[in-house]
Amino acid sequence: MNLKPRVAKRPASAEPARSTPVVSLGRLGNFVGFRLRRVQNQLSRNFTAVTTELGLRQGLFSSLAIVAANPGISQSELSREVGLDKSVTVTMVDEMEKFGWAERRRSQEDRRRHALYITPAGEAKLDQLFALMEQTEAEVLHALTPAEMALLSELLDRMYDAIVRDEP
C-alpha cells in the first residue's frame, strides 16, 4: 500500500526551496505511524526550540491544555489522553501545581482520586503557549488548504478513536 499523498503540483515559483536533499523512505513510506511520527518529531523539535527559555518539560503544555479543556479530569484519564506513563503524569501534575498553573482536589464522586483543575495563572500560561504553538505550526500548515486541514483533523481523530476504542 502506498500512502504517498496525491497533491497537485504548485508552480515552480510557489514551491519553497529545499535546503536538504530528498531521502527515500523506502518501505517505511508505507507506514502511517512512521510518517505521522516524523512530522510530530519535527513539530515537537521546533516547538521545544521556541519554548526552551520557558524551561518547560516535554508534555507539560499538552497536559495543562487537557486539564483546562476537561475540568475535574483524573490523573489516570490525563495520562491516557496525553499518552504518558502514569508516574510521568504525576510528575507533570506536581510541576503544574508547583508553578501555580493547576491544582488537585479530591473528587466529589470518588474520594480516592484527585480531580485536576486549571488556575488563572495556568490559563495565562496556556494563552502564551498556544500563541507559540500557532506560530510553530503555521510554518508548516501553510502547505495545506483549509479543506485539507479539516480532512486531516477528521482523519487523525478517527485513527485515534480506532486505537483507543478497545482500551480499558
Protein backbone atom coordinates (compact mmCIF):
# COMPACT_ATOMS: atom_id res chain seq x y z
CA MET A 1 0.00 0.00 0.00
CA ASN A 2 1.45 3.36 -0.95
CA LEU A 3 0.45 6.17 1.41
CA LYS A 4 2.11 8.91 -0.59
CA PRO A 5 -0.44 11.73 -0.81
CA ARG A 6 -1.53 12.92 -4.20
CA VAL A 7 -1.04 16.63 -4.16
CA ALA A 8 -1.49 18.92 -7.11
CA LYS A 9 1.83 20.35 -8.21
CA ARG A 10 2.31 24.01 -7.48
CA PRO A 11 4.01 26.23 -9.99
CA ALA A 12 7.79 26.10 -9.50
CA SER A 13 7.78 29.71 -8.33
CA ALA A 14 5.37 28.81 -5.48
CA GLU A 15 7.42 25.87 -4.19
CA PRO A 16 9.77 26.66 -1.34
CA ALA A 17 13.42 25.91 -1.95
CA ARG A 18 14.61 22.75 -0.16
CA SER A 19 17.84 23.10 1.71
CA THR A 20 18.12 19.37 2.38
CA PRO A 21 18.23 16.56 -0.18
CA VAL A 22 15.16 14.36 -0.60
CA VAL A 23 15.80 10.99 1.05
CA SER A 24 13.78 7.94 0.07
CA LEU A 25 11.72 6.45 2.88
CA GLY A 26 11.77 3.07 1.19
CA ARG A 27 9.33 0.66 2.80
CA LEU A 28 8.90 3.00 5.78
CA GLY A 29 6.88 5.25 3.48
CA ASN A 30 4.15 2.60 3.57
CA PHE A 31 3.57 3.01 7.31
CA VAL A 32 1.37 5.82 8.53
CA GLY A 33 2.75 5.58 12.07
CA PHE A 34 6.26 6.36 10.89
CA ARG A 35 5.10 9.21 8.71
CA LEU A 36 2.97 10.73 11.48
CA ARG A 37 5.81 10.38 13.96
CA ARG A 38 8.25 12.02 11.54
CA VAL A 39 6.04 15.11 11.25
CA GLN A 40 5.33 15.11 15.00
CA ASN A 41 9.04 14.91 15.80
CA GLN A 42 9.78 17.94 13.63
CA LEU A 43 6.90 19.98 15.06
CA SER A 44 7.91 18.99 18.59
CA ARG A 45 11.53 19.92 17.95
CA ASN A 46 10.51 23.33 16.59
CA PHE A 47 8.11 23.98 19.50
CA THR A 48 10.76 22.92 22.01
CA ALA A 49 13.22 25.32 20.40
CA VAL A 50 10.89 28.29 20.94
CA THR A 51 9.90 27.26 24.48
CA THR A 52 13.34 26.32 25.82
CA GLU A 53 13.75 29.63 27.59
CA LEU A 54 10.49 28.97 29.45
CA GLY A 55 12.01 25.82 30.98
CA LEU A 56 9.06 23.62 30.03
CA ARG A 57 9.33 19.86 30.36
CA GLN A 58 8.18 17.87 27.33
CA GLY A 59 4.47 17.07 27.72
CA LEU A 60 3.70 19.83 30.22
CA PHE A 61 1.94 22.01 27.65
CA SER A 62 -0.33 19.22 26.42
CA SER A 63 -1.09 18.11 29.98
CA LEU A 64 -2.04 21.64 31.01
CA ALA A 65 -4.19 22.07 27.90
CA ILE A 66 -6.07 18.81 28.55
CA VAL A 67 -6.69 19.82 32.19
CA ALA A 68 -8.03 23.20 31.02
CA ALA A 69 -10.36 21.57 28.50
CA ASN A 70 -11.58 18.94 31.00
CA PRO A 71 -12.06 20.45 34.46
CA GLY A 72 -12.07 17.69 37.06
CA ILE A 73 -10.19 15.17 34.90
CA SER A 74 -8.42 12.45 36.88
CA GLN A 75 -4.68 11.86 36.70
CA SER A 76 -5.23 8.45 35.07
CA GLU A 77 -7.53 9.96 32.43
CA LEU A 78 -4.94 12.66 31.78
CA SER A 79 -2.23 10.03 31.49
CA ARG A 80 -4.23 8.10 28.89
CA GLU A 81 -5.09 11.18 26.83
CA VAL A 82 -1.57 12.57 26.59
CA GLY A 83 -0.02 9.11 26.16
CA LEU A 84 2.30 9.31 29.15
CA ASP A 85 3.16 6.73 31.79
CA LYS A 86 1.18 7.32 34.99
CA SER A 87 4.35 8.03 37.00
CA VAL A 88 5.37 10.70 34.46
CA THR A 89 1.89 12.19 34.67
CA VAL A 90 2.22 12.51 38.46
CA THR A 91 5.46 14.45 37.90
CA MET A 92 3.67 16.69 35.36
CA VAL A 93 0.85 17.40 37.80
CA ASP A 94 3.40 18.11 40.55
CA GLU A 95 5.10 20.65 38.27
CA MET A 96 1.82 22.27 37.25
CA GLU A 97 0.99 22.70 40.93
CA LYS A 98 4.49 23.99 41.74
CA PHE A 99 4.15 26.68 39.05
CA GLY A 100 0.63 27.52 40.26
CA TRP A 101 -0.95 26.52 36.93
CA ALA A 102 -3.21 23.70 38.16
CA GLU A 103 -4.47 22.19 41.37
CA ARG A 104 -5.56 18.80 42.65
CA ARG A 105 -8.82 18.50 44.53
CA ARG A 106 -10.43 15.39 46.00
CA SER A 107 -13.07 14.16 43.62
CA GLN A 108 -16.63 14.62 44.86
CA GLU A 109 -17.70 11.39 43.13
CA ASP A 110 -14.78 9.21 44.22
CA ARG A 111 -12.82 10.37 47.26
CA ARG A 112 -9.93 8.01 46.32
CA ARG A 113 -8.99 10.05 43.27
CA HIS A 114 -7.90 13.59 42.61
CA ALA A 115 -9.65 15.88 40.17
CA LEU A 116 -7.47 18.35 38.30
CA TYR A 117 -8.34 21.99 37.65
CA ILE A 118 -6.50 24.82 35.92
CA THR A 119 -5.84 28.08 37.76
CA PRO A 120 -5.98 31.64 36.36
CA ALA A 121 -2.16 31.58 36.17
CA GLY A 122 -2.41 28.34 34.19
CA GLU A 123 -4.89 29.93 31.78
CA ALA A 124 -2.49 32.83 31.22
CA LYS A 125 0.40 30.42 30.60
CA LEU A 126 -1.75 28.44 28.16
CA ASP A 127 -2.55 31.60 26.19
CA GLN A 128 1.19 32.24 25.85
CA LEU A 129 1.95 28.62 24.87
CA PHE A 130 -0.89 28.36 22.36
CA ALA A 131 0.38 31.52 20.64
CA LEU A 132 3.81 29.90 20.33
CA MET A 133 2.24 26.65 19.08
CA GLU A 134 0.25 28.54 16.44
CA GLN A 135 3.44 30.19 15.19
CA THR A 136 5.27 26.85 15.10
CA GLU A 137 2.52 25.04 13.20
CA ALA A 138 1.87 27.93 10.82
CA GLU A 139 5.37 27.38 9.47
CA VAL A 140 4.27 24.00 8.05
CA LEU A 141 0.47 24.14 7.77
CA HIS A 142 0.63 26.75 5.01
CA ALA A 143 1.15 23.72 2.74
CA LEU A 144 -2.47 22.64 3.35
CA THR A 145 -5.70 24.27 2.24
CA PRO A 146 -8.39 24.82 4.88
CA ALA A 147 -10.33 21.86 3.43
CA GLU A 148 -7.24 19.65 3.60
CA MET A 149 -6.63 20.74 7.18
CA ALA A 150 -10.21 19.88 8.14
CA LEU A 151 -9.88 16.48 6.45
CA LEU A 152 -6.55 15.81 8.16
CA SER A 153 -8.06 16.67 11.57
CA GLU A 154 -11.03 14.37 10.93
CA LEU A 155 -8.80 11.51 9.81
CA LEU A 156 -6.45 11.87 12.77
CA ASP A 157 -9.40 11.85 15.19
CA ARG A 158 -10.84 8.72 13.54
CA MET A 159 -7.47 6.98 13.72
CA TYR A 160 -7.08 7.91 17.40
CA ASP A 161 -10.59 6.66 18.18
CA ALA A 162 -9.83 3.36 16.45
CA ILE A 163 -6.70 2.92 18.56
CA VAL A 164 -8.23 3.74 21.97
CA ARG A 165 -11.70 2.24 21.38
CA ASP A 166 -10.82 -1.11 22.94
CA GLU A 167 -8.63 0.18 25.77
CA PRO A 168 -9.90 -0.19 29.34
